[in-house]
Amino acid sequence: MNWDDLRIFLAVARAESLTAAAPGLRMDPATLSRRIARLEDALGAALFVKGPQGYALTERGQGLMAHAAEAEAALLRATESAEGKEALSGQIRIGAPDGCATFVLPQVCAAIQRAHPALELQILALPRVVNLSRREADMAVTVSPPEAGRVTVQKITDYRLHLAQRRDAPPLATLADLRGRPIVGYIPDMIFDRELDYLGEIGAGRVDLASNSVTVQLMMLRERGVGIVHDFALPSAPELVRVLTGALALRRAFHLVRHESDLRSARLSQVAALVAQGIRLEVARLEAAVARAEATARNP
């Protein structure tokens, strides 16, 4: 078995599809299918279960995945050592919940890439937890720190959330006034993190306009209703305003999660430090902008 075989195996395992893996490998799906079949023949075992939904790892495939990922990390460390610790180049993928991925990470990644043009930064925005053990990403931003797995967790920063609605909507005096108003929020059975379950916080029994994406929720609020919004998202929706800030203010935190074997990579550690610092500064900047806008509205 050579590294090229492992590289192809890893790409297909992570993408769970020949079609999705093909562009990054610069091969067509038919060629990838032949290469995977040849690798399975050489090992004498099926590595994938092929079906309409794509390629799913077998138990043997999962075992090879762990070893192949370790080999990839070792090769990357060796490359970095030869290039020097200051070289920041290559592709790095950052997984994040879609709120952070939409309203915070683009600015952070743009600033990092501007300073390090040889870097290729990718943002994987998902309405679920990123699976680092399957190497879906090199690092992940999460709301709740994972409780299992061979990972390390670093708290990045707290962030704030409040109720918001259109500026031209009827005013709210108390939380009781929410009764009869359309509530915007998560699809209840698709909440992937307990920290995102806000219904109890606002005393609402149901969600009238729901999505598994906070970006879609924000777009819904621009049309109708009231719901919990990240303060850092509000500069992107000037027609919305925070309401009942004295009655309800939520605080959550972002954490940076990395596979523990990647701690030996100077390159990934440098980028992780830049990402964490960038998120911390960008959240503070956006939240300060919201506070300034409200102060100006009160005292024009």
C-alpha atoms as a PDB file:
ATOM      1  CA  MET A   1       0.000   0.000   0.000  1.00  0.00           C
ATOM      2  CA  ASN A   2       1.378   3.428  -0.913  1.00  0.00           C
ATOM      3  CA  TRP A   3       0.539   6.929   0.289  1.00  0.00           C
ATOM      4  CA  ASP A   4      -1.388   7.758  -2.888  1.00  0.00           C
ATOM      5  CA  ASP A   5      -3.814   4.902  -2.149  1.00  0.00           C
ATOM      6  CA  LEU A   6      -4.286   6.181   1.404  1.00  0.00           C
ATOM      7  CA  ARG A   7      -4.782   9.733   0.175  1.00  0.00           C
ATOM      8  CA  ILE A   8      -7.584   8.615  -2.123  1.00  0.00           C
ATOM      9  CA  PHE A   9      -9.136   6.450   0.589  1.00  0.00           C
ATOM     10  CA  LEU A  10      -9.133   9.362   3.053  1.00  0.00           C
ATOM     11  CA  ALA A  11     -10.726  11.752   0.574  1.00  0.00           C
ATOM     12  CA  VAL A  12     -13.563   9.346  -0.255  1.00  0.00           C
ATOM     13  CA  ALA A  13     -14.090   8.447   3.408  1.00  0.00           C
ATOM     14  CA  ARG A  14     -14.380  12.111   4.396  1.00  0.00           C
ATOM     15  CA  ALA A  15     -16.593  13.091   1.484  1.00  0.00           C
ATOM     16  CA  GLU A  16     -18.682   9.890   1.708  1.00  0.00           C
ATOM     17  CA  SER A  17     -19.044  10.107  -2.064  1.00  0.00           C
ATOM     18  CA  LEU A  18     -16.911   9.560  -5.154  1.00  0.00           C
ATOM     19  CA  THR A  19     -18.445  12.588  -6.838  1.00  0.00           C
ATOM     20  CA  ALA A  20     -17.755  14.859  -3.858  1.00  0.00           C
ATOM     21  CA  ALA A  21     -14.175  13.610  -3.466  1.00  0.00           C
ATOM     22  CA  ALA A  22     -13.284  13.828  -7.164  1.00  0.00           C
ATOM     23  CA  PRO A  23     -12.652  17.608  -7.538  1.00  0.00           C
ATOM     24  CA  GLY A  24     -10.177  17.784  -4.658  1.00  0.00           C
ATOM     25  CA  LEU A  25      -8.260  14.786  -5.989  1.00  0.00           C
ATOM     26  CA  ARG A  26      -8.478  16.005  -9.602  1.00  0.00           C
ATOM     27  CA  MET A  27      -9.753  12.607 -10.696  1.00  0.00           C
ATOM     28  CA  ASP A  28     -13.053  11.519 -12.168  1.00  0.00           C
ATOM     29  CA  PRO A  29     -15.438   9.331 -10.107  1.00  0.00           C
ATOM     30  CA  ALA A  30     -14.899   6.310 -12.359  1.00  0.00           C
ATOM     31  CA  THR A  31     -11.144   6.415 -11.733  1.00  0.00           C
ATOM     32  CA  LEU A  32     -11.726   6.748  -7.989  1.00  0.00           C
ATOM     33  CA  SER A  33     -14.054   3.751  -8.057  1.00  0.00           C
ATOM     34  CA  ARG A  34     -11.360   1.642  -9.732  1.00  0.00           C
ATOM     35  CA  ARG A  35      -8.711   2.821  -7.251  1.00  0.00           C
ATOM     36  CA  ILE A  36     -10.893   2.015  -4.250  1.00  0.00           C
ATOM     37  CA  ALA A  37     -11.747  -1.404  -5.687  1.00  0.00           C
ATOM     38  CA  ARG A  38      -8.047  -2.098  -6.265  1.00  0.00           C
ATOM     39  CA  LEU A  39      -7.219  -1.114  -2.674  1.00  0.00           C
ATOM     40  CA  GLU A  40      -9.971  -3.347  -1.316  1.00  0.00           C
ATOM     41  CA  ASP A  41      -8.689  -6.251  -3.424  1.00  0.00           C
ATOM     42  CA  ALA A  42      -5.156  -5.700  -2.122  1.00  0.00           C
ATOM     43  CA  LEU A  43      -6.362  -5.725   1.478  1.00  0.00           C
ATOM     44  CA  GLY A  44      -8.815  -8.537   0.947  1.00  0.00           C
ATOM     45  CA  ALA A  45     -11.599  -6.626   2.686  1.00  0.00           C
ATOM     46  CA  ALA A  46     -14.416  -4.219   1.880  1.00  0.00           C
ATOM     47  CA  LEU A  47     -13.673  -0.718   3.128  1.00  0.00           C
ATOM     48  CA  PHE A  48     -16.974   0.869   2.123  1.00  0.00           C
ATOM     49  CA  VAL A  49     -20.621  -0.021   1.929  1.00  0.00           C
ATOM     50  CA  LYS A  50     -21.792   1.464  -1.361  1.00  0.00           C
ATOM     51  CA  GLY A  51     -25.386   2.637  -1.563  1.00  0.00           C
ATOM     52  CA  PRO A  52     -27.703   5.348  -2.931  1.00  0.00           C
ATOM     53  CA  GLN A  53     -26.660   7.657  -0.085  1.00  0.00           C
ATOM     54  CA  GLY A  54     -22.960   7.336  -0.907  1.00  0.00           C
ATOM     55  CA  TYR A  55     -19.976   5.508   0.548  1.00  0.00           C
ATOM     56  CA  ALA A  56     -20.143   4.530   4.232  1.00  0.00           C
ATOM     57  CA  LEU A  57     -17.141   3.050   6.023  1.00  0.00           C
ATOM     58  CA  THR A  58     -17.232  -0.593   7.069  1.00  0.00           C
ATOM     59  CA  GLU A  59     -15.688  -1.640  10.378  1.00  0.00           C
ATOM     60  CA  ARG A  60     -12.462  -2.470   8.523  1.00  0.00           C
ATOM     61  CA  GLY A  61     -12.646   0.897   6.789  1.00  0.00           C
ATOM     62  CA  GLN A  62     -13.030   2.727  10.100  1.00  0.00           C
ATOM     63  CA  GLY A  63      -9.911   0.996  11.392  1.00  0.00           C
ATOM     64  CA  LEU A  64      -7.939   1.992   8.313  1.00  0.00           C
ATOM     65  CA  MET A  65      -9.288   5.542   8.593  1.00  0.00           C
ATOM     66  CA  ALA A  66      -7.696   5.999  12.019  1.00  0.00           C
ATOM     67  CA  HIS A  67      -4.291   4.750  10.850  1.00  0.00           C
ATOM     68  CA  ALA A  68      -4.423   6.679   7.577  1.00  0.00           C
ATOM     69  CA  ALA A  69      -5.280   9.927   9.374  1.00  0.00           C
ATOM     70  CA  GLU A  70      -2.321   9.418  11.723  1.00  0.00           C
ATOM     71  CA  ALA A  71      -0.049   8.797   8.733  1.00  0.00           C
ATOM     72  CA  GLU A  72      -1.362  11.958   7.067  1.00  0.00           C
ATOM     73  CA  ALA A  73      -0.678  14.001  10.210  1.00  0.00           C
ATOM     74  CA  ALA A  74       2.848  12.569  10.465  1.00  0.00           C
ATOM     75  CA  LEU A  75       3.557  13.381   6.815  1.00  0.00           C
ATOM     76  CA  LEU A  76       2.275  16.920   7.317  1.00  0.00           C
ATOM     77  CA  ARG A  77       4.496  17.408  10.377  1.00  0.00           C
ATOM     78  CA  ALA A  78       7.500  16.169   8.436  1.00  0.00           C
ATOM     79  CA  THR A  79       6.711  18.570   5.594  1.00  0.00           C
ATOM     80  CA  GLU A  80       6.361  21.479   8.010  1.00  0.00           C
ATOM     81  CA  SER A  81       9.660  20.637   9.630  1.00  0.00           C
ATOM     82  CA  ALA A  82      11.388  20.698   6.256  1.00  0.00           C
ATOM     83  CA  GLU A  83       9.719  23.981   5.263  1.00  0.00           C
ATOM     84  CA  GLY A  84      10.224  25.743   8.571  1.00  0.00           C
ATOM     85  CA  LYS A  85       7.816  26.686  11.322  1.00  0.00           C
ATOM     86  CA  GLU A  86       6.982  30.097   9.886  1.00  0.00           C
ATOM     87  CA  ALA A  87       5.585  28.703   6.643  1.00  0.00           C
ATOM     88  CA  LEU A  88       1.798  28.965   6.675  1.00  0.00           C
ATOM     89  CA  SER A  89       0.528  27.373   3.509  1.00  0.00           C
ATOM     90  CA  GLY A  90      -1.713  24.651   2.230  1.00  0.00           C
ATOM     91  CA  GLN A  91      -5.367  23.880   2.844  1.00  0.00           C
ATOM     92  CA  ILE A  92      -7.039  24.096   6.262  1.00  0.00           C
ATOM     93  CA  ARG A  93     -10.722  23.431   6.875  1.00  0.00           C
ATOM     94  CA  ILE A  94     -12.564  24.950   9.838  1.00  0.00           C
ATOM     95  CA  GLY A  95     -15.921  23.518  10.865  1.00  0.00           C
ATOM     96  CA  ALA A  96     -18.429  25.710  12.664  1.00  0.00           C
ATOM     97  CA  PRO A  97     -22.140  26.065  13.441  1.00  0.00           C
ATOM     98  CA  ASP A  98     -23.752  28.158  10.740  1.00  0.00           C
ATOM     99  CA  GLY A  99     -24.160  31.288  12.886  1.00  0.00           C
ATOM    100  CA  CYS A 100     -20.434  31.571  13.517  1.00  0.00           C
ATOM    101  CA  ALA A 101     -19.660  30.365   9.988  1.00  0.00           C
ATOM    102  CA  THR A 102     -21.887  33.032   8.431  1.00  0.00           C
ATOM    103  CA  PHE A 103     -21.422  36.120  10.590  1.00  0.00           C
ATOM    104  CA  VAL A 104     -17.948  35.781  12.166  1.00  0.00           C
ATOM    105  CA  LEU A 105     -15.592  33.382  10.398  1.00  0.00           C
ATOM    106  CA  PRO A 106     -15.633  34.992   6.924  1.00  0.00           C
ATOM    107  CA  GLN A 107     -14.052  38.181   8.296  1.00  0.00           C
ATOM    108  CA  VAL A 108     -11.604  36.181  10.438  1.00  0.00           C
ATOM    109  CA  CYS A 109     -10.504  33.905   7.589  1.00  0.00           C
ATOM    110  CA  ALA A 110     -10.179  36.806   5.163  1.00  0.00           C
ATOM    111  CA  ALA A 111      -7.845  38.619   7.555  1.00  0.00           C
ATOM    112  CA  ILE A 112      -5.718  35.502   8.124  1.00  0.00           C
ATOM    113  CA  GLN A 113      -5.510  34.707   4.419  1.00  0.00           C
ATOM    114  CA  ARG A 114      -4.622  38.327   3.637  1.00  0.00           C
ATOM    115  CA  ALA A 115      -1.629  38.005   5.964  1.00  0.00           C
ATOM    116  CA  HIS A 116      -0.731  34.510   4.710  1.00  0.00           C
ATOM    117  CA  PRO A 117      -1.607  34.334   0.984  1.00  0.00           C
ATOM    118  CA  ALA A 118      -0.317  30.776   0.603  1.00  0.00           C
ATOM    119  CA  LEU A 119      -3.031  29.484   2.936  1.00  0.00           C
ATOM    120  CA  GLU A 120      -6.241  28.034   1.518  1.00  0.00           C
ATOM    121  CA  LEU A 121      -8.900  28.378   4.208  1.00  0.00           C
ATOM    122  CA  GLN A 122     -12.224  26.559   3.979  1.00  0.00           C
ATOM    123  CA  ILE A 123     -15.276  27.110   6.215  1.00  0.00           C
ATOM    124  CA  LEU A 124     -17.478  24.059   6.722  1.00  0.00           C
ATOM    125  CA  ALA A 125     -20.856  25.406   7.909  1.00  0.00           C
ATOM    126  CA  LEU A 126     -23.072  22.705   9.385  1.00  0.00           C
ATOM    127  CA  PRO A 127     -26.282  22.624  11.455  1.00  0.00           C
ATOM    128  CA  ARG A 128     -24.719  19.814  13.476  1.00  0.00           C
ATOM    129  CA  VAL A 129     -21.514  18.941  15.306  1.00  0.00           C
ATOM    130  CA  VAL A 130     -18.481  18.545  13.035  1.00  0.00           C
ATOM    131  CA  ASN A 131     -16.972  15.043  13.209  1.00  0.00           C
ATOM    132  CA  LEU A 132     -13.244  15.560  13.734  1.00  0.00           C
ATOM    133  CA  SER A 133     -12.587  11.855  14.231  1.00  0.00           C
ATOM    134  CA  ARG A 134     -13.550  11.346  10.591  1.00  0.00           C
ATOM    135  CA  ARG A 135     -11.458  14.366   9.647  1.00  0.00           C
ATOM    136  CA  GLU A 136     -14.370  16.372   8.284  1.00  0.00           C
ATOM    137  CA  ALA A 137     -12.313  19.402   9.289  1.00  0.00           C
ATOM    138  CA  ASP A 138      -8.900  20.226  10.732  1.00  0.00           C
ATOM    139  CA  MET A 139     -10.470  22.100  13.639  1.00  0.00           C
ATOM    140  CA  ALA A 140     -13.978  22.978  14.744  1.00  0.00           C
ATOM    141  CA  VAL A 141     -15.767  25.766  16.555  1.00  0.00           C
ATOM    142  CA  THR A 142     -18.455  24.394  18.878  1.00  0.00           C
ATOM    143  CA  VAL A 143     -20.923  25.774  21.410  1.00  0.00           C
ATOM    144  CA  SER A 144     -20.778  22.864  23.870  1.00  0.00           C
ATOM    145  CA  PRO A 145     -17.353  21.292  24.435  1.00  0.00           C
ATOM    146  CA  PRO A 146     -17.328  17.606  23.416  1.00  0.00           C
ATOM    147  CA  GLU A 147     -17.427  15.115  26.249  1.00  0.00           C
ATOM    148  CA  ALA A 148     -15.644  12.268  24.460  1.00  0.00           C
ATOM    149  CA  GLY A 149     -13.077  11.601  21.767  1.00  0.00           C
ATOM    150  CA  ARG A 150      -9.359  12.182  21.379  1.00  0.00           C
ATOM    151  CA  VAL A 151      -9.669  15.933  21.146  1.00  0.00           C
ATOM    152  CA  THR A 152      -8.489  19.063  22.910  1.00  0.00           C
ATOM    153  CA  VAL A 153     -10.804  21.950  23.757  1.00  0.00           C
ATOM    154  CA  GLN A 154      -9.966  25.636  24.136  1.00  0.00           C
ATOM    155  CA  LYS A 155     -12.591  28.189  25.147  1.00  0.00           C
ATOM    156  CA  ILE A 156     -12.486  31.081  22.689  1.00  0.00           C
ATOM    157  CA  THR A 157     -14.976  33.652  23.977  1.00  0.00           C
ATOM    158  CA  ASP A 158     -18.462  34.221  25.350  1.00  0.00           C
ATOM    159  CA  TYR A 159     -21.141  35.685  23.094  1.00  0.00           C
ATOM    160  CA  ARG A 160     -24.578  37.127  23.785  1.00  0.00           C
ATOM    161  CA  LEU A 161     -28.062  36.514  22.458  1.00  0.00           C
ATOM    162  CA  HIS A 162     -31.294  38.490  22.871  1.00  0.00           C
ATOM    163  CA  LEU A 163     -34.813  38.552  21.572  1.00  0.00           C
ATOM    164  CA  ALA A 164     -35.173  40.573  18.379  1.00  0.00           C
ATOM    165  CA  GLN A 165     -37.917  41.641  16.009  1.00  0.00           C
ATOM    166  CA  ARG A 166     -38.512  44.128  13.211  1.00  0.00           C
ATOM    167  CA  ARG A 167     -38.175  47.770  14.207  1.00  0.00           C
ATOM    168  CA  ASP A 168     -41.680  48.480  12.926  1.00  0.00           C
ATOM    169  CA  ALA A 169     -43.295  45.618  14.882  1.00  0.00           C
ATOM    170  CA  PRO A 170     -45.568  46.438  17.864  1.00  0.00           C
ATOM    171  CA  PRO A 171     -43.461  47.007  20.998  1.00  0.00           C
ATOM    172  CA  LEU A 172     -43.093  44.393  23.725  1.00  0.00           C
ATOM    173  CA  ALA A 173     -43.284  45.420  27.386  1.00  0.00           C
ATOM    174  CA  THR A 174     -42.887  42.047  29.119  1.00  0.00           C
ATOM    175  CA  LEU A 175     -42.188  38.424  28.226  1.00  0.00           C
ATOM    176  CA  ALA A 176     -45.920  37.791  28.641  1.00  0.00           C
ATOM    177  CA  ASP A 177     -46.456  39.934  25.528  1.00  0.00           C
ATOM    178  CA  LEU A 178     -44.825  37.182  23.478  1.00  0.00           C
ATOM    179  CA  ARG A 179     -48.101  35.254  23.648  1.00  0.00           C
ATOM    180  CA  GLY A 180     -49.884  35.645  20.369  1.00  0.00           C
ATOM    181  CA  ARG A 181     -46.701  36.674  18.508  1.00  0.00           C
ATOM    182  CA  PRO A 182     -45.200  34.312  15.897  1.00  0.00           C
ATOM    183  CA  ILE A 183     -42.074  32.737  17.414  1.00  0.00           C
ATOM    184  CA  VAL A 184     -39.038  32.095  15.214  1.00  0.00           C
ATOM    185  CA  GLY A 185     -36.533  29.440  16.254  1.00  0.00           C
ATOM    186  CA  TYR A 186     -35.059  25.989  15.754  1.00  0.00           C
ATOM    187  CA  ILE A 187     -36.986  22.954  14.554  1.00  0.00           C
ATOM    188  CA  PRO A 188     -37.341  21.336  18.009  1.00  0.00           C
ATOM    189  CA  ASP A 189     -36.380  17.776  17.040  1.00  0.00           C
ATOM    190  CA  MET A 190     -33.335  18.991  15.056  1.00  0.00           C
ATOM    191  CA  ILE A 191     -31.578  20.909  17.844  1.00  0.00           C
ATOM    192  CA  PHE A 192     -28.119  19.346  17.806  1.00  0.00           C
ATOM    193  CA  ASP A 193     -26.756  21.041  20.942  1.00  0.00           C
ATOM    194  CA  ARG A 194     -28.577  21.482  24.245  1.00  0.00           C
ATOM    195  CA  GLU A 195     -27.222  25.032  24.492  1.00  0.00           C
ATOM    196  CA  LEU A 196     -29.347  25.947  21.449  1.00  0.00           C
ATOM    197  CA  ASP A 197     -32.663  25.000  23.061  1.00  0.00           C
ATOM    198  CA  TYR A 198     -34.094  28.445  23.811  1.00  0.00           C
ATOM    199  CA  LEU A 199     -37.812  27.636  24.069  1.00  0.00           C
ATOM    200  CA  GLY A 200     -37.714  27.207  27.821  1.00  0.00           C
ATOM    201  CA  GLU A 201     -35.829  30.471  28.196  1.00  0.00           C
ATOM    202  CA  ILE A 202     -38.634  32.476  26.609  1.00  0.00           C
ATOM    203  CA  GLY A 203     -41.510  30.412  27.960  1.00  0.00           C
ATOM    204  CA  ALA A 204     -42.747  29.483  24.486  1.00  0.00           C
ATOM    205  CA  GLY A 205     -44.592  26.242  23.902  1.00  0.00           C
ATOM    206  CA  ARG A 206     -44.015  26.067  20.170  1.00  0.00           C
ATOM    207  CA  VAL A 207     -42.131  27.583  17.247  1.00  0.00           C
ATOM    208  CA  ASP A 208     -44.299  29.054  14.489  1.00  0.00           C
ATOM    209  CA  LEU A 209     -41.521  29.697  11.964  1.00  0.00           C
ATOM    210  CA  ALA A 210     -38.666  27.219  12.314  1.00  0.00           C
ATOM    211  CA  SER A 211     -35.410  26.218  10.660  1.00  0.00           C
ATOM    212  CA  ASN A 212     -32.360  24.162  11.593  1.00  0.00           C
ATOM    213  CA  SER A 213     -30.258  27.134  10.390  1.00  0.00           C
ATOM    214  CA  VAL A 214     -29.824  30.344  12.383  1.00  0.00           C
ATOM    215  CA  THR A 215     -29.167  32.163   9.117  1.00  0.00           C
ATOM    216  CA  VAL A 216     -32.595  31.148   7.835  1.00  0.00           C
ATOM    217  CA  GLN A 217     -34.106  32.121  11.188  1.00  0.00           C
ATOM    218  CA  LEU A 218     -32.628  35.593  10.811  1.00  0.00           C
ATOM    219  CA  MET A 219     -34.155  35.901   7.349  1.00  0.00           C
ATOM    220  CA  MET A 220     -37.515  34.823   8.781  1.00  0.00           C
ATOM    221  CA  LEU A 221     -37.286  37.494  11.479  1.00  0.00           C
ATOM    222  CA  ARG A 222     -36.664  40.121   8.825  1.00  0.00           C
ATOM    223  CA  GLU A 223     -40.164  39.289   7.589  1.00  0.00           C
ATOM    224  CA  ARG A 224     -42.153  38.441  10.703  1.00  0.00           C
ATOM    225  CA  GLY A 225     -42.128  37.325  14.328  1.00  0.00           C
ATOM    226  CA  VAL A 226     -39.804  37.482  17.308  1.00  0.00           C
ATOM    227  CA  GLY A 227     -36.966  35.153  18.247  1.00  0.00           C
ATOM    228  CA  ILE A 228     -33.559  34.680  19.834  1.00  0.00           C
ATOM    229  CA  VAL A 229     -30.726  36.194  17.783  1.00  0.00           C
ATOM    230  CA  HIS A 230     -26.956  36.302  18.216  1.00  0.00           C
ATOM    231  CA  ASP A 231     -25.953  39.902  18.930  1.00  0.00           C
ATOM    232  CA  PHE A 232     -23.060  39.489  16.489  1.00  0.00           C
ATOM    233  CA  ALA A 233     -25.548  38.759  13.673  1.00  0.00           C
ATOM    234  CA  LEU A 234     -27.594  41.941  14.124  1.00  0.00           C
ATOM    235  CA  PRO A 235     -25.277  44.278  12.152  1.00  0.00           C
ATOM    236  CA  SER A 236     -26.202  42.141   9.126  1.00  0.00           C
ATOM    237  CA  ALA A 237     -29.916  42.838   9.667  1.00  0.00           C
ATOM    238  CA  PRO A 238     -30.373  46.564  10.364  1.00  0.00           C
ATOM    239  CA  GLU A 239     -34.177  46.257  10.184  1.00  0.00           C
ATOM    240  CA  LEU A 240     -34.103  44.167  13.391  1.00  0.00           C
ATOM    241  CA  VAL A 241     -33.786  45.503  16.926  1.00  0.00           C
ATOM    242  CA  ARG A 242     -33.175  43.825  20.274  1.00  0.00           C
ATOM    243  CA  VAL A 243     -36.203  43.800  22.596  1.00  0.00           C
ATOM    244  CA  LEU A 244     -36.790  43.004  26.272  1.00  0.00           C
ATOM    245  CA  THR A 245     -33.052  43.124  26.924  1.00  0.00           C
ATOM    246  CA  GLY A 246     -33.642  43.673  30.616  1.00  0.00           C
ATOM    247  CA  ALA A 247     -35.923  40.641  30.881  1.00  0.00           C
ATOM    248  CA  LEU A 248     -33.933  38.132  28.835  1.00  0.00           C
ATOM    249  CA  ALA A 249     -30.222  38.017  28.043  1.00  0.00           C
ATOM    250  CA  LEU A 250     -28.493  34.760  27.154  1.00  0.00           C
ATOM    251  CA  ARG A 251     -24.790  34.020  27.212  1.00  0.00           C
ATOM    252  CA  ARG A 252     -23.115  31.149  25.435  1.00  0.00           C
ATOM    253  CA  ALA A 253     -19.499  30.380  24.513  1.00  0.00           C
ATOM    254  CA  PHE A 254     -17.516  29.271  21.486  1.00  0.00           C
ATOM    255  CA  HIS A 255     -14.847  26.596  21.894  1.00  0.00           C
ATOM    256  CA  LEU A 256     -12.096  25.558  19.508  1.00  0.00           C
ATOM    257  CA  VAL A 257     -11.800  21.783  19.220  1.00  0.00           C
ATOM    258  CA  ARG A 258      -8.853  19.981  17.652  1.00  0.00           C
ATOM    259  CA  HIS A 259      -7.756  16.382  17.289  1.00  0.00           C
ATOM    260  CA  GLU A 260      -5.112  15.759  19.943  1.00  0.00           C
ATOM    261  CA  SER A 261      -2.621  14.357  17.427  1.00  0.00           C
ATOM    262  CA  ASP A 262      -2.636  17.726  15.630  1.00  0.00           C
ATOM    263  CA  LEU A 263      -1.106  19.486  18.624  1.00  0.00           C
ATOM    264  CA  ARG A 264       2.277  18.388  17.296  1.00  0.00           C
ATOM    265  CA  SER A 265       1.692  20.336  14.103  1.00  0.00           C
ATOM    266  CA  ALA A 266       3.228  23.797  14.392  1.00  0.00           C
ATOM    267  CA  ARG A 267       1.333  24.913  11.302  1.00  0.00           C
ATOM    268  CA  LEU A 268      -2.097  23.896  12.610  1.00  0.00           C
ATOM    269  CA  SER A 269      -1.303  25.334  16.035  1.00  0.00           C
ATOM    270  CA  GLN A 270      -0.362  28.678  14.495  1.00  0.00           C
ATOM    271  CA  VAL A 271      -3.562  28.804  12.458  1.00  0.00           C
ATOM    272  CA  ALA A 272      -5.648  27.690  15.453  1.00  0.00           C
ATOM    273  CA  ALA A 273      -4.209  30.542  17.514  1.00  0.00           C
ATOM    274  CA  LEU A 274      -5.010  33.031  14.741  1.00  0.00           C
ATOM    275  CA  VAL A 275      -8.557  31.680  14.383  1.00  0.00           C
ATOM    276  CA  ALA A 276      -9.245  31.831  18.121  1.00  0.00           C
ATOM    277  CA  GLN A 277      -7.882  35.362  18.415  1.00  0.00           C
ATOM    278  CA  GLY A 278      -9.773  36.459  15.315  1.00  0.00           C
ATOM    279  CA  ILE A 279     -13.106  35.091  16.567  1.00  0.00           C
ATOM    280  CA  ARG A 280     -12.584  36.729  19.947  1.00  0.00           C
ATOM    281  CA  LEU A 281     -11.905  40.131  18.384  1.00  0.00           C
ATOM    282  CA  GLU A 282     -14.649  39.892  15.748  1.00  0.00           C
ATOM    283  CA  VAL A 283     -17.371  38.913  18.230  1.00  0.00           C
ATOM    284  CA  ALA A 284     -16.337  41.824  20.466  1.00  0.00           C
ATOM    285  CA  ARG A 285     -16.346  44.220  17.492  1.00  0.00           C
ATOM    286  CA  LEU A 286     -19.791  43.189  16.263  1.00  0.00           C
ATOM    287  CA  GLU A 287     -21.360  43.231  19.724  1.00  0.00           C
ATOM    288  CA  ALA A 288     -19.899  46.685  20.357  1.00  0.00           C
ATOM    289  CA  ALA A 289     -21.399  47.881  17.067  1.00  0.00           C
ATOM    290  CA  VAL A 290     -24.850  46.765  18.228  1.00  0.00           C
ATOM    291  CA  ALA A 291     -24.450  48.583  21.548  1.00  0.00           C
ATOM    292  CA  ARG A 292     -23.298  51.771  19.792  1.00  0.00           C
ATOM    293  CA  ALA A 293     -26.224  51.675  17.357  1.00  0.00           C
ATOM    294  CA  GLU A 294     -28.721  51.336  20.201  1.00  0.00           C
ATOM    295  CA  ALA A 295     -27.093  54.171  22.149  1.00  0.00           C
ATOM    296  CA  THR A 296     -27.263  56.401  19.063  1.00  0.00           C
ATOM    297  CA  ALA A 297     -30.940  55.532  18.559  1.00  0.00           C
ATOM    298  CA  ARG A 298     -31.710  56.496  22.166  1.00  0.00           C
ATOM    299  CA  ASN A 299     -29.690  59.715  21.985  1.00  0.00           C
ATOM    300  CA  PRO A 300     -29.684  60.888  18.349  1.00  0.00           C
END
